[in-house]
Each structure stands twice: as structure tokens, then as C-alpha cells.
C-alpha atoms as a PDB file:
ATOM      1  CA  UNK A   1       0.000   0.000   0.000  1.00  0.00           C
ATOM      2  CA  UNK A   2       1.454   3.385  -0.937  1.00  0.00           C
ATOM      3  CA  UNK A   3       2.087   6.048   1.686  1.00  0.00           C
ATOM      4  CA  UNK A   4      -0.157   8.571  -0.097  1.00  0.00           C
ATOM      5  CA  UNK A   5      -3.055   6.103  -0.202  1.00  0.00           C
ATOM      6  CA  UNK A   6      -2.588   5.288   3.478  1.00  0.00           C
ATOM      7  CA  UNK A   7      -2.490   8.967   4.451  1.00  0.00           C
ATOM      8  CA  UNK A   8      -5.596   9.736   2.424  1.00  0.00           C
ATOM      9  CA  UNK A   9      -7.510   6.915   4.108  1.00  0.00           C
ATOM     10  CA  UNK A  10      -6.486   8.122   7.604  1.00  0.00           C
ATOM     11  CA  UNK A  11      -7.041  11.849   7.034  1.00  0.00           C
ATOM     12  CA  UNK A  12     -10.142  11.924   9.254  1.00  0.00           C
ATOM     13  CA  UNK A  13      -8.899   9.368  11.769  1.00  0.00           C
ATOM     14  CA  UNK A  14      -8.282  10.792  15.248  1.00  0.00           C
ATOM     15  CA  UNK A  15      -4.558  10.621  15.959  1.00  0.00           C
ATOM     16  CA  UNK A  16      -2.420  10.729  19.096  1.00  0.00           C
ATOM     17  CA  UNK A  17       1.092  12.005  18.406  1.00  0.00           C
ATOM     18  CA  UNK A  18       3.865  11.246  20.897  1.00  0.00           C
ATOM     19  CA  UNK A  19       6.973  13.367  20.546  1.00  0.00           C
ATOM     20  CA  UNK A  20      10.326  11.770  21.432  1.00  0.00           C
ATOM     21  CA  UNK A  21      12.169  13.375  24.343  1.00  0.00           C
ATOM     22  CA  UNK A  22       8.962  15.092  25.448  1.00  0.00           C
ATOM     23  CA  UNK A  23       6.258  14.242  27.927  1.00  0.00           C
ATOM     24  CA  UNK A  24       3.500  15.662  25.769  1.00  0.00           C
ATOM     25  CA  UNK A  25       0.935  13.927  23.594  1.00  0.00           C
ATOM     26  CA  UNK A  26      -0.969  15.818  20.916  1.00  0.00           C
ATOM     27  CA  UNK A  27      -4.488  14.768  19.919  1.00  0.00           C
ATOM     28  CA  UNK A  28      -5.965  15.799  16.590  1.00  0.00           C
ATOM     29  CA  UNK A  29      -6.224  14.536  13.037  1.00  0.00           C
ATOM     30  CA  UNK A  30      -4.595  15.117   9.667  1.00  0.00           C
ATOM     31  CA  UNK A  31      -6.598  17.168   7.194  1.00  0.00           C
ATOM     32  CA  UNK A  32      -6.594  16.704   3.425  1.00  0.00           C
ATOM     33  CA  UNK A  33      -3.481  18.914   3.135  1.00  0.00           C
ATOM     34  CA  UNK A  34      -1.610  16.741   5.679  1.00  0.00           C
ATOM     35  CA  UNK A  35      -1.762  19.449   8.374  1.00  0.00           C
ATOM     36  CA  UNK A  36      -2.286  18.283  11.954  1.00  0.00           C
ATOM     37  CA  UNK A  37      -5.462  19.980  13.196  1.00  0.00           C
ATOM     38  CA  UNK A  38      -7.843  19.603  16.115  1.00  0.00           C
ATOM     39  CA  UNK A  39     -10.684  17.115  16.189  1.00  0.00           C
ATOM     40  CA  UNK A  40     -13.511  19.416  17.265  1.00  0.00           C
ATOM     41  CA  UNK A  41     -11.978  22.623  15.939  1.00  0.00           C
ATOM     42  CA  UNK A  42      -9.390  22.747  13.204  1.00  0.00           C
ATOM     43  CA  UNK A  43      -7.614  25.511  15.117  1.00  0.00           C
ATOM     44  CA  UNK A  44      -7.022  23.747  18.451  1.00  0.00           C
ATOM     45  CA  UNK A  45      -4.936  20.592  18.903  1.00  0.00           C
ATOM     46  CA  UNK A  46      -5.334  19.136  22.407  1.00  0.00           C
ATOM     47  CA  UNK A  47      -2.184  18.586  24.502  1.00  0.00           C
ATOM     48  CA  UNK A  48      -1.879  16.020  27.315  1.00  0.00           C
ATOM     49  CA  UNK A  49       0.829  15.010  29.784  1.00  0.00           C
ATOM     50  CA  UNK A  50       0.271  11.269  29.331  1.00  0.00           C
ATOM     51  CA  UNK A  51      -0.894   8.723  26.791  1.00  0.00           C
ATOM     52  CA  UNK A  52      -3.552   7.570  29.279  1.00  0.00           C
ATOM     53  CA  UNK A  53      -5.036  11.085  29.447  1.00  0.00           C
ATOM     54  CA  UNK A  54      -5.015  11.384  25.644  1.00  0.00           C
ATOM     55  CA  UNK A  55      -6.868   8.072  25.285  1.00  0.00           C
ATOM     56  CA  UNK A  56      -9.366   9.063  27.965  1.00  0.00           C
ATOM     57  CA  UNK A  57     -10.087  12.339  26.140  1.00  0.00           C
ATOM     58  CA  UNK A  58     -10.981  10.386  22.992  1.00  0.00           C
ATOM     59  CA  UNK A  59     -13.079   7.824  24.887  1.00  0.00           C
ATOM     60  CA  UNK A  60     -15.131  10.627  26.475  1.00  0.00           C
ATOM     61  CA  UNK A  61     -15.997  11.748  22.948  1.00  0.00           C
ATOM     62  CA  UNK A  62     -17.101   8.216  21.981  1.00  0.00           C
ATOM     63  CA  UNK A  63     -14.050   7.717  19.778  1.00  0.00           C
ATOM     64  CA  UNK A  64     -12.986   4.095  20.103  1.00  0.00           C
ATOM     65  CA  UNK A  65     -10.274   3.833  17.425  1.00  0.00           C
ATOM     66  CA  UNK A  66      -7.344   6.142  16.770  1.00  0.00           C
ATOM     67  CA  UNK A  67      -3.944   6.188  15.150  1.00  0.00           C
ATOM     68  CA  UNK A  68      -0.923   6.324  17.443  1.00  0.00           C
ATOM     69  CA  UNK A  69       2.104   8.044  15.985  1.00  0.00           C
ATOM     70  CA  UNK A  70       5.544   8.521  17.516  1.00  0.00           C
ATOM     71  CA  UNK A  71       7.741  11.243  16.018  1.00  0.00           C
ATOM     72  CA  UNK A  72      11.251  12.474  16.720  1.00  0.00           C
ATOM     73  CA  UNK A  73      13.131  15.635  15.783  1.00  0.00           C
ATOM     74  CA  UNK A  74      15.123  13.438  13.382  1.00  0.00           C
ATOM     75  CA  UNK A  75      11.890  12.516  11.558  1.00  0.00           C
ATOM     76  CA  UNK A  76      11.065  16.194  11.147  1.00  0.00           C
ATOM     77  CA  UNK A  77      14.523  17.049   9.791  1.00  0.00           C
ATOM     78  CA  UNK A  78      14.535  14.163   7.312  1.00  0.00           C
ATOM     79  CA  UNK A  79      10.886  14.390   6.314  1.00  0.00           C
ATOM     80  CA  UNK A  80      10.097  10.774   7.190  1.00  0.00           C
ATOM     81  CA  UNK A  81       6.581   9.879   5.951  1.00  0.00           C
ATOM     82  CA  UNK A  82       3.963   9.797   8.699  1.00  0.00           C
ATOM     83  CA  UNK A  83       2.628   6.397   7.578  1.00  0.00           C
ATOM     84  CA  UNK A  84       5.860   4.724   8.725  1.00  0.00           C
ATOM     85  CA  UNK A  85       5.088   5.718  12.318  1.00  0.00           C
ATOM     86  CA  UNK A  86       1.329   5.020  12.575  1.00  0.00           C
ATOM     87  CA  UNK A  87      -0.235   2.219  14.537  1.00  0.00           C
ATOM     88  CA  UNK A  88      -3.994   1.720  14.802  1.00  0.00           C
ATOM     89  CA  UNK A  89      -5.150   1.326  18.419  1.00  0.00           C
ATOM     90  CA  UNK A  90      -8.507   0.496  19.956  1.00  0.00           C
ATOM     91  CA  UNK A  91      -9.393   2.576  22.959  1.00  0.00           C
END
């Protein structure tokens, strides 16, 4: 499966992003332009101190499946495709 196809299929999928060397987890989704935006509002991405809190936030909104993505500064510098870091999780 190509990366572009995978990204297009997950563009509306709620996503939790864990950043290496940080204790923050971002919750949002990728839009059609591959920008990370909020779930309820495209302007606001939610930030949590733990993966447990991020999952709980989604559960409270009746979201039972999300993508889990771990990124590092190295990924950002090299432009590593997002699809290589996504894992589908059930909440």
C-alpha cells in the first residue's frame, strides 16, 4: 500500500502524536493537506501530559479507534513519511 493512499484513508482518523524526548501527547487529526489539526476545531490541537489522558479524552468523545504516531526531531529534519510511524489502536 502506498504512503499517499494510506495517508488519504487516515485523514479523518483521530490521531495521538507522541513526541520523542517530550512528555506531551498531541491529539488531533490530519486534514486533506496533511496538516495536523484539532478534532472538534481545526484551530485547536489538544495537549496532554500522558498517553492515558489522551486516550481518555478520545473515549469521552465516543471515539474508540485512533492512530498512534511517535515522532522524533530526526523525523522532522529528514521528512520521514507519517505512515511509517502510525499504529492503529482500539481505545
